[in-house]
Protein backbone atom coordinates (compact mmCIF):
# COMPACT_ATOMS: atom_id res chain seq x y z
CA UNK A 1 0.00 0.00 0.00
CA UNK A 2 1.37 3.40 -1.01
CA UNK A 3 1.72 6.02 1.70
CA UNK A 4 0.90 9.68 1.30
CA UNK A 5 3.84 12.03 1.83
CA UNK A 6 2.75 13.10 5.35
CA UNK A 7 2.23 9.45 6.30
CA UNK A 8 5.67 8.49 4.98
CA UNK A 9 7.26 11.33 6.97
CA UNK A 10 5.38 10.27 10.09
CA UNK A 11 6.46 6.64 9.62
CA UNK A 12 10.09 7.66 9.10
CA UNK A 13 10.07 9.89 12.18
CA UNK A 14 8.51 7.15 14.28
CA UNK A 15 10.67 4.22 13.16
CA UNK A 16 14.07 5.51 12.03
CA UNK A 17 16.77 4.41 14.46
CA UNK A 18 14.55 1.64 15.89
CA UNK A 19 14.04 -2.06 15.12
CA UNK A 20 10.80 -1.07 13.35
CA UNK A 21 12.64 0.83 10.59
CA UNK A 22 11.72 -0.31 7.09
CA UNK A 23 15.31 -0.65 5.86
CA UNK A 24 17.94 -2.55 7.87
CA UNK A 25 20.39 0.32 7.30
CA UNK A 26 18.08 2.65 9.23
CA UNK A 27 17.60 0.42 12.30
CA UNK A 28 20.72 1.26 14.29
CA UNK A 29 22.00 4.73 13.62
CA UNK A 30 25.13 6.08 15.36
CA UNK A 31 23.48 9.49 15.77
CA UNK A 32 20.23 11.17 16.74
CA UNK A 33 18.04 12.65 14.02
CA UNK A 34 16.40 16.04 14.53
CA UNK A 35 13.44 16.64 12.20
CA UNK A 36 12.58 20.20 11.19
CA UNK A 37 9.85 21.01 8.70
CA UNK A 38 8.91 24.02 6.64
CA UNK A 39 5.50 23.43 5.05
CA UNK A 40 4.13 25.89 2.53
CA UNK A 41 1.76 26.23 -0.39
CA UNK A 42 3.63 28.57 -2.73
CA UNK A 43 7.06 29.05 -4.31
CA UNK A 44 7.60 32.27 -2.34
CA UNK A 45 6.65 30.51 0.88
CA UNK A 46 8.84 27.56 -0.06
CA UNK A 47 11.89 29.78 -0.44
CA UNK A 48 11.14 31.50 2.87
CA UNK A 49 10.76 28.09 4.54
CA UNK A 50 14.14 26.95 3.16
CA UNK A 51 15.80 30.16 4.37
CA UNK A 52 14.21 29.78 7.81
CA UNK A 53 15.39 26.17 8.09
CA UNK A 54 18.96 27.08 7.13
CA UNK A 55 19.18 30.33 9.09
CA UNK A 56 17.59 29.26 12.37
CA UNK A 57 19.75 30.27 15.30
CA UNK A 58 22.24 27.59 16.32
CA UNK A 59 22.08 28.79 19.93
CA UNK A 60 18.87 26.80 20.34
CA UNK A 61 19.99 23.31 21.46
CA UNK A 62 16.64 21.91 20.32
CA UNK A 63 17.31 23.15 16.78
CA UNK A 64 20.82 22.18 15.64
CA UNK A 65 22.15 23.38 12.26
CA UNK A 66 20.88 21.46 9.24
CA UNK A 67 23.17 18.92 7.64
CA UNK A 68 20.85 18.42 4.69
CA UNK A 69 17.64 19.76 3.21
CA UNK A 70 15.10 17.75 1.23
CA UNK A 71 13.21 19.88 -1.32
CA UNK A 72 12.15 22.13 -3.06
CA UNK A 73 9.38 21.61 -5.63
CA UNK A 74 10.14 24.42 -8.08
CA UNK A 75 13.35 24.75 -10.06
CA UNK A 76 13.71 28.43 -9.18
CA UNK A 77 13.48 27.75 -5.46
CA UNK A 78 15.71 24.67 -5.78
CA UNK A 79 18.42 26.87 -7.33
CA UNK A 80 18.16 29.39 -4.47
CA UNK A 81 18.14 26.62 -1.87
CA UNK A 82 21.18 25.04 -3.55
CA UNK A 83 23.07 28.33 -3.21
CA UNK A 84 22.12 28.44 0.48
CA UNK A 85 23.19 24.81 0.93
CA UNK A 86 26.57 25.57 -0.65
CA UNK A 87 27.07 28.59 1.61
CA UNK A 88 26.13 26.55 4.71
CA UNK A 89 28.06 23.44 3.64
CA UNK A 90 24.86 21.38 3.74
CA UNK A 91 23.57 18.78 1.33
CA UNK A 92 20.39 19.39 -0.66
CA UNK A 93 18.40 16.43 -1.93
CA UNK A 94 16.28 17.74 -4.80
CA UNK A 95 13.51 15.25 -5.58
CA UNK A 96 11.60 17.54 -7.95
CA UNK A 97 14.32 19.59 -9.63
CA UNK A 98 14.17 19.45 -13.42
CA UNK A 99 16.69 22.11 -14.39
CA UNK A 100 20.04 20.97 -15.77
CA UNK A 101 21.71 23.94 -14.08
CA UNK A 102 21.87 21.99 -10.81
CA UNK A 103 24.16 19.46 -12.54
CA UNK A 104 27.05 21.96 -12.58
CA UNK A 105 29.12 20.56 -9.71
CA UNK A 106 31.36 23.62 -9.43
CA UNK A 107 28.31 25.81 -8.68
CA UNK A 108 26.25 23.28 -6.70
CA UNK A 109 28.63 20.75 -5.14
CA UNK A 110 26.19 19.52 -2.49
CA UNK A 111 23.07 18.90 -4.60
CA UNK A 112 21.79 15.42 -5.25
CA UNK A 113 18.78 15.07 -7.51
CA UNK A 114 16.45 12.10 -7.51
CA UNK A 115 14.72 12.88 -10.78
CA UNK A 116 16.04 13.24 -14.33
CA UNK A 117 16.87 16.64 -15.79
CA UNK A 118 15.17 18.20 -18.79
CA UNK A 119 18.30 17.30 -20.77
CA UNK A 120 17.96 13.64 -19.69
CA UNK A 121 14.33 13.56 -20.85
CA UNK A 122 15.26 15.17 -24.16
CA UNK A 123 18.12 12.74 -24.83
CA UNK A 124 15.82 9.83 -24.01
CA UNK A 125 13.17 11.09 -26.44
CA UNK A 126 15.76 11.56 -29.20
CA UNK A 127 17.13 8.05 -28.58
CA UNK A 128 13.59 6.65 -28.87
CA UNK A 129 13.02 8.65 -32.08
CA UNK A 130 16.20 7.21 -33.60
CA UNK A 131 15.38 3.66 -32.52
CA UNK A 132 11.93 3.74 -34.12
CA UNK A 133 12.97 5.89 -37.09
CA UNK A 134 10.59 8.67 -36.14
CA UNK A 135 11.30 12.09 -37.67
CA UNK A 136 8.37 14.28 -36.63
CA UNK A 137 8.03 15.59 -33.10
CA UNK A 138 5.35 17.79 -31.59
CA UNK A 139 6.01 19.57 -28.32
CA UNK A 140 3.45 21.26 -26.12
CA UNK A 141 5.17 23.47 -23.57
CA UNK A 142 3.65 26.03 -21.28
CA UNK A 143 5.37 29.28 -20.33
CA UNK A 144 6.46 28.01 -16.93
CA UNK A 145 10.20 27.43 -16.45
CA UNK A 146 9.78 23.64 -16.45
CA UNK A 147 7.93 23.65 -19.79
CA UNK A 148 10.44 26.03 -21.33
CA UNK A 149 13.39 23.97 -20.07
CA UNK A 150 12.02 20.81 -21.69
CA UNK A 151 11.29 22.59 -24.99
CA UNK A 152 14.79 24.12 -25.09
CA UNK A 153 16.44 20.81 -24.17
CA UNK A 154 14.47 18.99 -26.88
CA UNK A 155 15.51 21.56 -29.46
CA UNK A 156 19.19 21.23 -28.52
CA UNK A 157 19.06 17.41 -28.41
CA UNK A 158 17.35 17.26 -31.81
CA UNK A 159 19.86 19.68 -33.37
CA UNK A 160 22.76 17.70 -31.91
CA UNK A 161 21.30 14.48 -33.33
CA UNK A 162 20.67 16.04 -36.74
CA UNK A 163 16.90 15.91 -36.38
CA UNK A 164 15.21 19.06 -37.63
């Protein structure tokens, strides 16, 4: 049975570091985990939540400095959070980031993505086109950064492959 995101977080908080943990690697941890959340419903609020999580005072013993941040949902906020993570020496796990810009290790050394980039999607589509001998491609892209990134990546991948 699939868990909703809040249920998965609750299960992780409850079981990590105990014999009830889902993965054996998470049963006996040599450290204590402090969970801090920044919930929001907008990109602006998401950026503010990331800043708050990173910039919380370290004088509070109940709120130690972050070692890593999981998020954000928008590419724009993920880029800002990645810059904060670099400045703080913290890791950012970016499960929703689509932009290829986060792949530049010199700019974002502590970012780990868990989803493919727009470039990865584009290269996969071009490989499929070549395999099946397809030559015509239609792209519907909205004006949001994610849609534009995919359209631009597809154009570059097609040009590189000699598909016009």
